[in-house]
Amino acid sequence: MSTTAHQYQSDFARRNFSAGEASGEAKAVLVVLDARGVAVSEEHRTLIADCTDQDQLETWLRRVGTAEKIQDLGDQFAD
């Protein structure tokens, strides 16, 4: 049985699929921060959870594995 990547045809489907992916990646960032014991303010938690920029989420995912403080994710977390 072979599988192929399905390409959504409607704008509605593409938009909602993309939003679902972003939501999952944002949740992953927050879960790893929690597992590493990194303190995350409500403001920063909301910033991460509401992010829909796939490039930004990927950057955070790459950095979160070694983050010791929220500022290690990027400039938008500077106090």
C-alpha atoms as a PDB file:
ATOM      1  CA  MET A   1       0.000   0.000   0.000  1.00  0.00           C
ATOM      2  CA  SER A   2       1.456   3.343  -0.950  1.00  0.00           C
ATOM      3  CA  THR A   3       0.626   6.682   0.564  1.00  0.00           C
ATOM      4  CA  THR A   4       1.000  10.154  -0.791  1.00  0.00           C
ATOM      5  CA  ALA A   5       0.851  13.545   0.817  1.00  0.00           C
ATOM      6  CA  HIS A   6      -2.670  14.864   0.406  1.00  0.00           C
ATOM      7  CA  GLN A   7      -2.898  18.399  -0.910  1.00  0.00           C
ATOM      8  CA  TYR A   8      -5.940  20.194   0.439  1.00  0.00           C
ATOM      9  CA  GLN A   9      -7.812  21.965  -2.327  1.00  0.00           C
ATOM     10  CA  SER A  10      -9.968  24.515  -0.525  1.00  0.00           C
ATOM     11  CA  ASP A  11      -8.686  27.623   1.217  1.00  0.00           C
ATOM     12  CA  PHE A  12     -10.721  26.605   4.265  1.00  0.00           C
ATOM     13  CA  ALA A  13      -9.032  23.196   4.517  1.00  0.00           C
ATOM     14  CA  ARG A  14      -5.523  24.558   3.922  1.00  0.00           C
ATOM     15  CA  ARG A  15      -6.011  27.291   6.520  1.00  0.00           C
ATOM     16  CA  ASN A  16      -7.392  24.928   9.169  1.00  0.00           C
ATOM     17  CA  PHE A  17      -4.814  22.219   8.535  1.00  0.00           C
ATOM     18  CA  SER A  18      -2.038  24.798   8.864  1.00  0.00           C
ATOM     19  CA  ALA A  19      -3.569  26.179  12.069  1.00  0.00           C
ATOM     20  CA  GLY A  20      -3.704  22.652  13.500  1.00  0.00           C
ATOM     21  CA  GLU A  21      -0.045  22.074  12.704  1.00  0.00           C
ATOM     22  CA  ALA A  22       0.936  25.373  14.311  1.00  0.00           C
ATOM     23  CA  SER A  23      -1.106  24.568  17.391  1.00  0.00           C
ATOM     24  CA  GLY A  24       0.661  21.220  17.774  1.00  0.00           C
ATOM     25  CA  GLU A  25       4.106  22.747  17.374  1.00  0.00           C
ATOM     26  CA  ALA A  26       3.321  25.512  19.868  1.00  0.00           C
ATOM     27  CA  LYS A  27       2.114  22.905  22.352  1.00  0.00           C
ATOM     28  CA  ALA A  28       5.342  20.937  21.820  1.00  0.00           C
ATOM     29  CA  VAL A  29       7.421  24.035  22.631  1.00  0.00           C
ATOM     30  CA  LEU A  30       5.451  24.563  25.844  1.00  0.00           C
ATOM     31  CA  VAL A  31       5.666  20.894  26.856  1.00  0.00           C
ATOM     32  CA  VAL A  32       9.444  20.809  26.414  1.00  0.00           C
ATOM     33  CA  LEU A  33       9.862  24.076  28.333  1.00  0.00           C
ATOM     34  CA  ASP A  34       7.820  22.573  31.161  1.00  0.00           C
ATOM     35  CA  ALA A  35       9.802  19.321  31.096  1.00  0.00           C
ATOM     36  CA  ARG A  36      13.058  21.270  31.289  1.00  0.00           C
ATOM     37  CA  GLY A  37      11.745  23.311  34.226  1.00  0.00           C
ATOM     38  CA  VAL A  38      11.903  26.606  32.345  1.00  0.00           C
ATOM     39  CA  ALA A  39       9.656  29.278  33.862  1.00  0.00           C
ATOM     40  CA  VAL A  40       7.166  30.693  31.343  1.00  0.00           C
ATOM     41  CA  SER A  41       5.049  33.745  32.140  1.00  0.00           C
ATOM     42  CA  GLU A  42       1.420  33.862  31.021  1.00  0.00           C
ATOM     43  CA  GLU A  43       2.382  36.563  28.511  1.00  0.00           C
ATOM     44  CA  HIS A  44       5.055  34.344  26.958  1.00  0.00           C
ATOM     45  CA  ARG A  45       2.808  31.264  27.122  1.00  0.00           C
ATOM     46  CA  THR A  46       0.158  33.181  25.156  1.00  0.00           C
ATOM     47  CA  LEU A  47       2.755  34.433  22.647  1.00  0.00           C
ATOM     48  CA  ILE A  48       3.834  30.851  21.953  1.00  0.00           C
ATOM     49  CA  ALA A  49       0.322  29.353  21.932  1.00  0.00           C
ATOM     50  CA  ASP A  50      -1.038  32.011  19.558  1.00  0.00           C
ATOM     51  CA  CYS A  51       1.855  31.829  17.086  1.00  0.00           C
ATOM     52  CA  THR A  52       0.899  30.627  13.596  1.00  0.00           C
ATOM     53  CA  ASP A  53       4.209  31.432  11.875  1.00  0.00           C
ATOM     54  CA  GLN A  54       5.623  28.028  10.925  1.00  0.00           C
ATOM     55  CA  ASP A  55       9.173  29.363  10.528  1.00  0.00           C
ATOM     56  CA  GLN A  56       9.086  30.945  13.986  1.00  0.00           C
ATOM     57  CA  LEU A  57       7.688  27.799  15.577  1.00  0.00           C
ATOM     58  CA  GLU A  58      10.395  25.701  13.944  1.00  0.00           C
ATOM     59  CA  THR A  59      13.060  28.068  15.275  1.00  0.00           C
ATOM     60  CA  TRP A  60      11.647  27.761  18.793  1.00  0.00           C
ATOM     61  CA  LEU A  61      11.465  23.971  18.459  1.00  0.00           C
ATOM     62  CA  ARG A  62      15.138  23.853  17.520  1.00  0.00           C
ATOM     63  CA  ARG A  63      16.126  26.049  20.476  1.00  0.00           C
ATOM     64  CA  VAL A  64      13.831  24.639  23.163  1.00  0.00           C
ATOM     65  CA  GLY A  65      15.842  21.443  23.612  1.00  0.00           C
ATOM     66  CA  THR A  66      18.771  23.363  25.044  1.00  0.00           C
ATOM     67  CA  ALA A  67      16.938  26.326  26.586  1.00  0.00           C
ATOM     68  CA  GLU A  68      17.705  27.025  30.226  1.00  0.00           C
ATOM     69  CA  LYS A  69      15.538  30.157  30.359  1.00  0.00           C
ATOM     70  CA  ILE A  70      12.745  31.523  28.183  1.00  0.00           C
ATOM     71  CA  GLN A  71      15.058  34.195  26.743  1.00  0.00           C
ATOM     72  CA  ASP A  72      17.077  31.412  25.083  1.00  0.00           C
ATOM     73  CA  LEU A  73      14.249  31.035  22.548  1.00  0.00           C
ATOM     74  CA  GLY A  74      14.775  34.492  21.046  1.00  0.00           C
ATOM     75  CA  ASP A  75      14.619  38.264  21.293  1.00  0.00           C
ATOM     76  CA  GLN A  76      10.831  38.372  21.595  1.00  0.00           C
ATOM     77  CA  PHE A  77      11.236  36.887  25.089  1.00  0.00           C
ATOM     78  CA  ALA A  78      13.640  39.548  26.392  1.00  0.00           C
ATOM     79  CA  ASP A  79      12.415  41.223  29.555  1.00  0.00           C
END
